[in-house]
Amino acid sequence: MRVPEIRAVAVIGAGQMGAGIAQVCAAAGIRVILLDASRERASAGKASIEKQLKRVVDKGKLTADTASTWLARIEPHEPGSYAEADLAIEAVEQ
């Protein structure tokens, strides 16, 4: 059985866990469709990833160009906007 290539992942939930999953997927070269209860919350999740990556860059463990490339792969979207995803990961916190 051949596993299809995953080009885009929808991460549903942009809290701490979802943001971490989104970051790892982006680092692996995968486009991330980041979703939460609203686009604003998804954008806040991306902002937390950016803040985390800045810390890593400041410590010299990652280049700014690499961090920028990873961030460009993460796209905050409206809830339910994941039709283009090859895989969906639910990380909703309660």
PDB file of N, CA and C in Angstrom:
ATOM      1  N   MET A   1       0.844  -1.181   0.000  1.00  0.00           N
ATOM      2  CA  MET A   1       0.000   0.000   0.000  1.00  0.00           C
ATOM      3  C   MET A   1       0.887   1.241   0.000  1.00  0.00           C
ATOM      4  N   ARG A   2       0.591   2.143  -0.846  1.00  0.00           N
ATOM      5  CA  ARG A   2       1.350   3.384  -0.964  1.00  0.00           C
ATOM      6  C   ARG A   2       0.604   4.503  -0.247  1.00  0.00           C
ATOM      7  N   VAL A   3       1.316   5.227   0.603  1.00  0.00           N
ATOM      8  CA  VAL A   3       0.739   6.342   1.354  1.00  0.00           C
ATOM      9  C   VAL A   3       0.845   7.599   0.493  1.00  0.00           C
ATOM     10  N   PRO A   4      -0.265   8.326   0.306  1.00  0.00           N
ATOM     11  CA  PRO A   4      -0.204   9.538  -0.511  1.00  0.00           C
ATOM     12  C   PRO A   4       0.619  10.635   0.177  1.00  0.00           C
ATOM     13  N   GLU A   5       1.188  11.498  -0.620  1.00  0.00           N
ATOM     14  CA  GLU A   5       1.971  12.614  -0.095  1.00  0.00           C
ATOM     15  C   GLU A   5       1.049  13.608   0.609  1.00  0.00           C
ATOM     16  N   ILE A   6       1.467  14.075   1.751  1.00  0.00           N
ATOM     17  CA  ILE A   6       0.703  15.082   2.494  1.00  0.00           C
ATOM     18  C   ILE A   6       1.315  16.436   2.193  1.00  0.00           C
ATOM     19  N   ARG A   7       0.547  17.270   1.512  1.00  0.00           N
ATOM     20  CA  ARG A   7       1.021  18.599   1.142  1.00  0.00           C
ATOM     21  C   ARG A   7       0.444  19.682   2.038  1.00  0.00           C
ATOM     22  N   ALA A   8      -0.743  19.425   2.599  1.00  0.00           N
ATOM     23  CA  ALA A   8      -1.394  20.424   3.457  1.00  0.00           C
ATOM     24  C   ALA A   8      -2.089  19.721   4.616  1.00  0.00           C
ATOM     25  N   VAL A   9      -1.911  20.294   5.810  1.00  0.00           N
ATOM     26  CA  VAL A   9      -2.515  19.754   7.031  1.00  0.00           C
ATOM     27  C   VAL A   9      -3.389  20.838   7.640  1.00  0.00           C
ATOM     28  N   ALA A  10      -4.602  20.470   8.021  1.00  0.00           N
ATOM     29  CA  ALA A  10      -5.454  21.380   8.787  1.00  0.00           C
ATOM     30  C   ALA A  10      -5.261  21.057  10.257  1.00  0.00           C
ATOM     31  N   VAL A  11      -4.873  22.058  11.035  1.00  0.00           N
ATOM     32  CA  VAL A  11      -4.751  21.890  12.482  1.00  0.00           C
ATOM     33  C   VAL A  11      -5.927  22.642  13.086  1.00  0.00           C
ATOM     34  N   ILE A  12      -6.822  21.907  13.712  1.00  0.00           N
ATOM     35  CA  ILE A  12      -8.040  22.482  14.273  1.00  0.00           C
ATOM     36  C   ILE A  12      -7.809  22.696  15.760  1.00  0.00           C
ATOM     37  N   GLY A  13      -7.641  23.942  16.131  1.00  0.00           N
ATOM     38  CA  GLY A  13      -7.301  24.331  17.489  1.00  0.00           C
ATOM     39  C   GLY A  13      -5.939  25.004  17.466  1.00  0.00           C
ATOM     40  N   ALA A  14      -5.887  26.286  17.788  1.00  0.00           N
ATOM     41  CA  ALA A  14      -4.639  27.049  17.689  1.00  0.00           C
ATOM     42  C   ALA A  14      -4.078  27.399  19.060  1.00  0.00           C
ATOM     43  N   GLY A  15      -4.458  26.633  20.084  1.00  0.00           N
ATOM     44  CA  GLY A  15      -3.910  26.844  21.421  1.00  0.00           C
ATOM     45  C   GLY A  15      -2.499  26.293  21.504  1.00  0.00           C
ATOM     46  N   GLN A  16      -2.035  26.030  22.687  1.00  0.00           N
ATOM     47  CA  GLN A  16      -0.662  25.588  22.893  1.00  0.00           C
ATOM     48  C   GLN A  16      -0.345  24.307  22.119  1.00  0.00           C
ATOM     49  N   MET A  17      -1.192  23.307  22.217  1.00  0.00           N
ATOM     50  CA  MET A  17      -0.935  22.043  21.532  1.00  0.00           C
ATOM     51  C   MET A  17      -1.057  22.198  20.023  1.00  0.00           C
ATOM     52  N   GLY A  18      -2.123  22.842  19.560  1.00  0.00           N
ATOM     53  CA  GLY A  18      -2.317  23.031  18.128  1.00  0.00           C
ATOM     54  C   GLY A  18      -1.204  23.858  17.507  1.00  0.00           C
ATOM     55  N   ALA A  19      -0.763  24.899  18.211  1.00  0.00           N
ATOM     56  CA  ALA A  19       0.332  25.731  17.717  1.00  0.00           C
ATOM     57  C   ALA A  19       1.610  24.908  17.593  1.00  0.00           C
ATOM     58  N   GLY A  20       1.852  24.042  18.560  1.00  0.00           N
ATOM     59  CA  GLY A  20       3.034  23.181  18.500  1.00  0.00           C
ATOM     60  C   GLY A  20       2.977  22.218  17.330  1.00  0.00           C
ATOM     61  N   ILE A  21       1.816  21.640  17.100  1.00  0.00           N
ATOM     62  CA  ILE A  21       1.641  20.724  15.965  1.00  0.00           C
ATOM     63  C   ILE A  21       1.832  21.486  14.655  1.00  0.00           C
ATOM     64  N   ALA A  22       1.264  22.682  14.576  1.00  0.00           N
ATOM     65  CA  ALA A  22       1.407  23.506  13.368  1.00  0.00           C
ATOM     66  C   ALA A  22       2.868  23.835  13.103  1.00  0.00           C
ATOM     67  N   GLN A  23       3.609  24.171  14.145  1.00  0.00           N
ATOM     68  CA  GLN A  23       5.022  24.509  14.003  1.00  0.00           C
ATOM     69  C   GLN A  23       5.823  23.315  13.490  1.00  0.00           C
ATOM     70  N   VAL A  24       5.575  22.146  14.035  1.00  0.00           N
ATOM     71  CA  VAL A  24       6.301  20.946  13.611  1.00  0.00           C
ATOM     72  C   VAL A  24       5.975  20.605  12.153  1.00  0.00           C
ATOM     73  N   CYS A  25       4.722  20.717  11.777  1.00  0.00           N
ATOM     74  CA  CYS A  25       4.332  20.449  10.386  1.00  0.00           C
ATOM     75  C   CYS A  25       4.993  21.440   9.442  1.00  0.00           C
ATOM     76  N   ALA A  26       4.990  22.718   9.805  1.00  0.00           N
ATOM     77  CA  ALA A  26       5.625  23.748   8.967  1.00  0.00           C
ATOM     78  C   ALA A  26       7.120  23.486   8.839  1.00  0.00           C
ATOM     79  N   ALA A  27       7.752  23.066   9.926  1.00  0.00           N
ATOM     80  CA  ALA A  27       9.184  22.757   9.900  1.00  0.00           C
ATOM     81  C   ALA A  27       9.478  21.573   8.976  1.00  0.00           C
ATOM     82  N   ALA A  28       8.504  20.692   8.826  1.00  0.00           N
ATOM     83  CA  ALA A  28       8.656  19.524   7.956  1.00  0.00           C
ATOM     84  C   ALA A  28       8.363  19.851   6.497  1.00  0.00           C
ATOM     85  N   GLY A  29       8.055  21.126   6.219  1.00  0.00           N
ATOM     86  CA  GLY A  29       7.805  21.545   4.843  1.00  0.00           C
ATOM     87  C   GLY A  29       6.366  21.417   4.394  1.00  0.00           C
ATOM     88  N   ILE A  30       5.460  21.245   5.335  1.00  0.00           N
ATOM     89  CA  ILE A  30       4.049  21.045   5.017  1.00  0.00           C
ATOM     90  C   ILE A  30       3.276  22.348   5.225  1.00  0.00           C
ATOM     91  N   ARG A  31       2.412  22.670   4.280  1.00  0.00           N
ATOM     92  CA  ARG A  31       1.527  23.827   4.416  1.00  0.00           C
ATOM     93  C   ARG A  31       0.523  23.543   5.529  1.00  0.00           C
ATOM     94  N   VAL A  32       0.301  24.539   6.401  1.00  0.00           N
ATOM     95  CA  VAL A  32      -0.594  24.362   7.545  1.00  0.00           C
ATOM     96  C   VAL A  32      -1.773  25.319   7.429  1.00  0.00           C
ATOM     97  N   ILE A  33      -2.966  24.766   7.498  1.00  0.00           N
ATOM     98  CA  ILE A  33      -4.197  25.547   7.555  1.00  0.00           C
ATOM     99  C   ILE A  33      -4.590  25.540   9.031  1.00  0.00           C
ATOM    100  N   LEU A  34      -4.371  26.668   9.706  1.00  0.00           N
ATOM    101  CA  LEU A  34      -4.586  26.761  11.149  1.00  0.00           C
ATOM    102  C   LEU A  34      -5.982  27.310  11.424  1.00  0.00           C
ATOM    103  N   LEU A  35      -6.766  26.546  12.173  1.00  0.00           N
ATOM    104  CA  LEU A  35      -8.166  26.901  12.439  1.00  0.00           C
ATOM    105  C   LEU A  35      -8.441  26.962  13.931  1.00  0.00           C
ATOM    106  N   ASP A  36      -9.368  27.825  14.307  1.00  0.00           N
ATOM    107  CA  ASP A  36      -9.855  27.882  15.681  1.00  0.00           C
ATOM    108  C   ASP A  36     -11.292  28.380  15.619  1.00  0.00           C
ATOM    109  N   ALA A  37     -11.847  28.769  16.741  1.00  0.00           N
ATOM    110  CA  ALA A  37     -13.243  29.215  16.794  1.00  0.00           C
ATOM    111  C   ALA A  37     -13.478  30.450  15.923  1.00  0.00           C
ATOM    112  N   SER A  38     -12.423  31.225  15.675  1.00  0.00           N
ATOM    113  CA  SER A  38     -12.505  32.391  14.796  1.00  0.00           C
ATOM    114  C   SER A  38     -11.160  32.578  14.117  1.00  0.00           C
ATOM    115  N   ARG A  39     -11.172  33.353  13.053  1.00  0.00           N
ATOM    116  CA  ARG A  39      -9.910  33.645  12.369  1.00  0.00           C
ATOM    117  C   ARG A  39      -8.964  34.416  13.293  1.00  0.00           C
ATOM    118  N   GLU A  40      -9.522  35.272  14.142  1.00  0.00           N
ATOM    119  CA  GLU A  40      -8.706  36.042  15.078  1.00  0.00           C
ATOM    120  C   GLU A  40      -7.951  35.120  16.037  1.00  0.00           C
ATOM    121  N   ARG A  41      -8.631  34.090  16.527  1.00  0.00           N
ATOM    122  CA  ARG A  41      -7.973  33.143  17.436  1.00  0.00           C
ATOM    123  C   ARG A  41      -6.913  32.324  16.704  1.00  0.00           C
ATOM    124  N   ALA A  42      -7.180  31.990  15.449  1.00  0.00           N
ATOM    125  CA  ALA A  42      -6.170  31.283  14.653  1.00  0.00           C
ATOM    126  C   ALA A  42      -4.956  32.187  14.431  1.00  0.00           C
ATOM    127  N   SER A  43      -5.206  33.468  14.183  1.00  0.00           N
ATOM    128  CA  SER A  43      -4.107  34.429  14.008  1.00  0.00           C
ATOM    129  C   SER A  43      -3.311  34.588  15.301  1.00  0.00           C
ATOM    130  N   ALA A  44      -3.996  34.557  16.432  1.00  0.00           N
ATOM    131  CA  ALA A  44      -3.311  34.630  17.728  1.00  0.00           C
ATOM    132  C   ALA A  44      -2.433  33.401  17.938  1.00  0.00           C
ATOM    133  N   GLY A  45      -2.893  32.252  17.471  1.00  0.00           N
ATOM    134  CA  GLY A  45      -2.081  31.034  17.546  1.00  0.00           C
ATOM    135  C   GLY A  45      -0.822  31.161  16.716  1.00  0.00           C
ATOM    136  N   LYS A  46      -0.942  31.735  15.529  1.00  0.00           N
ATOM    137  CA  LYS A  46       0.237  31.943  14.689  1.00  0.00           C
ATOM    138  C   LYS A  46       1.187  32.940  15.353  1.00  0.00           C
ATOM    139  N   ALA A  47       0.630  33.973  15.993  1.00  0.00           N
ATOM    140  CA  ALA A  47       1.471  34.960  16.689  1.00  0.00           C
ATOM    141  C   ALA A  47       2.256  34.302  17.820  1.00  0.00           C
ATOM    142  N   SER A  48       1.654  33.329  18.502  1.00  0.00           N
ATOM    143  CA  SER A  48       2.385  32.638  19.576  1.00  0.00           C
ATOM    144  C   SER A  48       3.511  31.785  18.999  1.00  0.00           C
ATOM    145  N   ILE A  49       3.293  31.208  17.824  1.00  0.00           N
ATOM    146  CA  ILE A  49       4.349  30.444  17.161  1.00  0.00           C
ATOM    147  C   ILE A  49       5.490  31.388  16.783  1.00  0.00           C
ATOM    148  N   GLU A  50       5.146  32.548  16.260  1.00  0.00           N
ATOM    149  CA  GLU A  50       6.155  33.529  15.874  1.00  0.00           C
ATOM    150  C   GLU A  50       6.995  33.959  17.081  1.00  0.00           C
ATOM    151  N   LYS A  51       6.324  34.164  18.205  1.00  0.00           N
ATOM    152  CA  LYS A  51       7.025  34.550  19.432  1.00  0.00           C
ATOM    153  C   LYS A  51       7.986  33.442  19.876  1.00  0.00           C
ATOM    154  N   GLN A  52       7.536  32.205  19.823  1.00  0.00           N
ATOM    155  CA  GLN A  52       8.374  31.065  20.201  1.00  0.00           C
ATOM    156  C   GLN A  52       9.572  30.946  19.275  1.00  0.00           C
ATOM    157  N   LEU A  53       9.336  31.085  17.976  1.00  0.00           N
ATOM    158  CA  LEU A  53      10.434  30.983  17.022  1.00  0.00           C
ATOM    159  C   LEU A  53      11.440  32.116  17.214  1.00  0.00           C
ATOM    160  N   LYS A  54      10.979  33.304  17.567  1.00  0.00           N
ATOM    161  CA  LYS A  54      11.881  34.426  17.820  1.00  0.00           C
ATOM    162  C   LYS A  54      12.832  34.093  18.972  1.00  0.00           C
ATOM    163  N   ARG A  55      12.296  33.454  20.009  1.00  0.00           N
ATOM    164  CA  ARG A  55      13.151  33.044  21.139  1.00  0.00           C
ATOM    165  C   ARG A  55      14.250  32.072  20.678  1.00  0.00           C
ATOM    166  N   VAL A  56      13.866  31.143  19.830  1.00  0.00           N
ATOM    167  CA  VAL A  56      14.825  30.155  19.335  1.00  0.00           C
ATOM    168  C   VAL A  56      15.879  30.836  18.448  1.00  0.00           C
ATOM    169  N   VAL A  57      15.445  31.784  17.624  1.00  0.00           N
ATOM    170  CA  VAL A  57      16.380  32.539  16.783  1.00  0.00           C
ATOM    171  C   VAL A  57      17.324  33.352  17.660  1.00  0.00           C
ATOM    172  N   ASP A  58      16.772  34.002  18.681  1.00  0.00           N
ATOM    173  CA  ASP A  58      17.602  34.817  19.580  1.00  0.00           C
ATOM    174  C   ASP A  58      18.667  33.983  20.297  1.00  0.00           C
ATOM    175  N   LYS A  59      18.373  32.710  20.531  1.00  0.00           N
ATOM    176  CA  LYS A  59      19.347  31.814  21.171  1.00  0.00           C
ATOM    177  C   LYS A  59      20.365  31.262  20.169  1.00  0.00           C
ATOM    178  N   GLY A  60      20.177  31.586  18.892  1.00  0.00           N
ATOM    179  CA  GLY A  60      21.107  31.126  17.861  1.00  0.00           C
ATOM    180  C   GLY A  60      20.898  29.698  17.416  1.00  0.00           C
ATOM    181  N   LYS A  61      19.747  29.112  17.730  1.00  0.00           N
ATOM    182  CA  LYS A  61      19.491  27.716  17.385  1.00  0.00           C
ATOM    183  C   LYS A  61      18.751  27.555  16.060  1.00  0.00           C
ATOM    184  N   LEU A  62      18.352  28.696  15.464  1.00  0.00           N
ATOM    185  CA  LEU A  62      17.595  28.699  14.211  1.00  0.00           C
ATOM    186  C   LEU A  62      17.877  30.025  13.528  1.00  0.00           C
ATOM    187  N   THR A  63      17.956  30.014  12.211  1.00  0.00           N
ATOM    188  CA  THR A  63      18.174  31.279  11.520  1.00  0.00           C
ATOM    189  C   THR A  63      16.849  32.016  11.348  1.00  0.00           C
ATOM    190  N   ALA A  64      16.932  33.321  11.217  1.00  0.00           N
ATOM    191  CA  ALA A  64      15.736  34.127  10.998  1.00  0.00           C
ATOM    192  C   ALA A  64      15.069  33.757   9.676  1.00  0.00           C
ATOM    193  N   ASP A  65      15.870  33.430   8.667  1.00  0.00           N
ATOM    194  CA  ASP A  65      15.308  33.031   7.369  1.00  0.00           C
ATOM    195  C   ASP A  65      14.511  31.737   7.482  1.00  0.00           C
ATOM    196  N   THR A  66      15.035  30.784   8.238  1.00  0.00           N
ATOM    197  CA  THR A  66      14.320  29.517   8.425  1.00  0.00           C
ATOM    198  C   THR A  66      13.017  29.751   9.178  1.00  0.00           C
ATOM    199  N   ALA A  67      13.069  30.544  10.239  1.00  0.00           N
ATOM    200  CA  ALA A  67      11.859  30.853  10.999  1.00  0.00           C
ATOM    201  C   ALA A  67      10.827  31.525  10.109  1.00  0.00           C
ATOM    202  N   SER A  68      11.263  32.444   9.274  1.00  0.00           N
ATOM    203  CA  SER A  68      10.366  33.141   8.356  1.00  0.00           C
ATOM    204  C   SER A  68       9.733  32.177   7.352  1.00  0.00           C
ATOM    205  N   THR A  69      10.520  31.233   6.860  1.00  0.00           N
ATOM    206  CA  THR A  69      10.009  30.224   5.925  1.00  0.00           C
ATOM    207  C   THR A  69       8.944  29.369   6.590  1.00  0.00           C
ATOM    208  N   TRP A  70       9.215  28.942   7.815  1.00  0.00           N
ATOM    209  CA  TRP A  70       8.234  28.131   8.546  1.00  0.00           C
ATOM    210  C   TRP A  70       6.949  28.917   8.769  1.00  0.00           C
ATOM    211  N   LEU A  71       7.071  30.162   9.197  1.00  0.00           N
ATOM    212  CA  LEU A  71       5.884  30.991   9.458  1.00  0.00           C
ATOM    213  C   LEU A  71       5.061  31.207   8.195  1.00  0.00           C
ATOM    214  N   ALA A  72       5.720  31.341   7.058  1.00  0.00           N
ATOM    215  CA  ALA A  72       5.006  31.549   5.799  1.00  0.00           C
ATOM    216  C   ALA A  72       4.137  30.350   5.424  1.00  0.00           C
ATOM    217  N   ARG A  73       4.468  29.182   5.942  1.00  0.00           N
ATOM    218  CA  ARG A  73       3.688  27.970   5.642  1.00  0.00           C
ATOM    219  C   ARG A  73       2.424  27.864   6.493  1.00  0.00           C
ATOM    220  N   ILE A  74       2.312  28.690   7.527  1.00  0.00           N
ATOM    221  CA  ILE A  74       1.164  28.622   8.448  1.00  0.00           C
ATOM    222  C   ILE A  74       0.167  29.706   8.082  1.00  0.00           C
ATOM    223  N   GLU A  75      -1.051  29.285   7.754  1.00  0.00           N
ATOM    224  CA  GLU A  75      -2.086  30.200   7.293  1.00  0.00           C
ATOM    225  C   GLU A  75      -3.318  30.136   8.208  1.00  0.00           C
ATOM    226  N   PRO A  76      -3.568  31.190   8.994  1.00  0.00           N
ATOM    227  CA  PRO A  76      -4.796  31.215   9.795  1.00  0.00           C
ATOM    228  C   PRO A  76      -6.016  31.316   8.869  1.00  0.00           C
ATOM    229  N   HIS A  77      -7.048  30.558   9.180  1.00  0.00           N
ATOM    230  CA  HIS A  77      -8.258  30.543   8.360  1.00  0.00           C
ATOM    231  C   HIS A  77      -9.504  30.625   9.236  1.00  0.00           C
ATOM    232  N   GLU A  78     -10.617  30.838   8.569  1.00  0.00           N
ATOM    233  CA  GLU A  78     -11.934  30.810   9.216  1.00  0.00           C
ATOM    234  C   GLU A  78     -12.259  29.374   9.616  1.00  0.00           C
ATOM    235  N   PRO A  79     -13.072  29.191  10.649  1.00  0.00           N
ATOM    236  CA  PRO A  79     -13.482  27.834  11.022  1.00  0.00           C
ATOM    237  C   PRO A  79     -14.128  27.111   9.830  1.00  0.00           C
ATOM    238  N   GLY A  80     -13.805  25.862   9.674  1.00  0.00           N
ATOM    239  CA  GLY A  80     -14.389  25.049   8.616  1.00  0.00           C
ATOM    240  C   GLY A  80     -13.700  25.159   7.272  1.00  0.00           C
ATOM    241  N   SER A  81     -12.636  25.933   7.164  1.00  0.00           N
ATOM    242  CA  SER A  81     -11.952  26.157   5.885  1.00  0.00           C
ATOM    243  C   SER A  81     -10.801  25.177   5.703  1.00  0.00           C
ATOM    244  N   TYR A  82     -11.106  23.916   5.587  1.00  0.00           N
ATOM    245  CA  TYR A  82     -10.029  22.936   5.483  1.00  0.00           C
ATOM    246  C   TYR A  82     -10.206  21.958   4.324  1.00  0.00           C
ATOM    247  N   ALA A  83     -10.973  22.336   3.318  1.00  0.00           N
ATOM    248  CA  ALA A  83     -11.223  21.444   2.186  1.00  0.00           C
ATOM    249  C   ALA A  83      -9.946  21.097   1.428  1.00  0.00           C
ATOM    250  N   GLU A  84      -8.939  21.960   1.439  1.00  0.00           N
ATOM    251  CA  GLU A  84      -7.704  21.724   0.693  1.00  0.00           C
ATOM    252  C   GLU A  84      -6.719  20.821   1.444  1.00  0.00           C
ATOM    253  N   ALA A  85      -7.043  20.471   2.681  1.00  0.00           N
ATOM    254  CA  ALA A  85      -6.106  19.688   3.502  1.00  0.00           C
ATOM    255  C   ALA A  85      -6.123  18.222   3.111  1.00  0.00           C
ATOM    256  N   ASP A  86      -4.942  17.622   3.135  1.00  0.00           N
ATOM    257  CA  ASP A  86      -4.816  16.181   2.915  1.00  0.00           C
ATOM    258  C   ASP A  86      -5.004  15.410   4.216  1.00  0.00           C
ATOM    259  N   LEU A  87      -4.854  16.116   5.341  1.00  0.00           N
ATOM    260  CA  LEU A  87      -4.950  15.509   6.666  1.00  0.00           C
ATOM    261  C   LEU A  87      -5.460  16.562   7.640  1.00  0.00           C
ATOM    262  N   ALA A  88      -6.323  16.172   8.554  1.00  0.00           N
ATOM    263  CA  ALA A  88      -6.803  17.087   9.606  1.00  0.00           C
ATOM    264  C   ALA A  88      -6.395  16.533  10.959  1.00  0.00           C
ATOM    265  N   ILE A  89      -5.882  17.435  11.823  1.00  0.00           N
ATOM    266  CA  ILE A  89      -5.502  17.064  13.168  1.00  0.00           C
ATOM    267  C   ILE A  89      -6.294  17.936  14.126  1.00  0.00           C
ATOM    268  N   GLU A  90      -7.029  17.312  15.011  1.00  0.00           N
ATOM    269  CA  GLU A  90      -7.852  18.040  15.989  1.00  0.00           C
ATOM    270  C   GLU A  90      -7.060  18.203  17.277  1.00  0.00           C
ATOM    271  N   ALA A  91      -6.917  19.457  17.717  1.00  0.00           N
ATOM    272  CA  ALA A  91      -6.196  19.754  18.944  1.00  0.00           C
ATOM    273  C   ALA A  91      -6.953  20.812  19.737  1.00  0.00           C
ATOM    274  N   VAL A  92      -8.249  20.631  19.855  1.00  0.00           N
ATOM    275  CA  VAL A  92      -9.105  21.598  20.539  1.00  0.00           C
ATOM    276  C   VAL A  92      -8.954  21.433  22.045  1.00  0.00           C
ATOM    277  N   GLU A  93      -8.695  22.540  22.720  1.00  0.00           N
ATOM    278  CA  GLU A  93      -8.580  22.541  24.175  1.00  0.00           C
ATOM    279  C   GLU A  93      -9.901  22.982  24.787  1.00  0.00           C
ATOM    280  N   GLN A  94     -10.212  22.417  25.914  1.00  0.00           N
ATOM    281  CA  GLN A  94     -11.474  22.801  26.558  1.00  0.00           C
ATOM    282  C   GLN A  94     -11.223  23.500  27.864  1.00  0.00           C
TER     283      GLN A  94
END
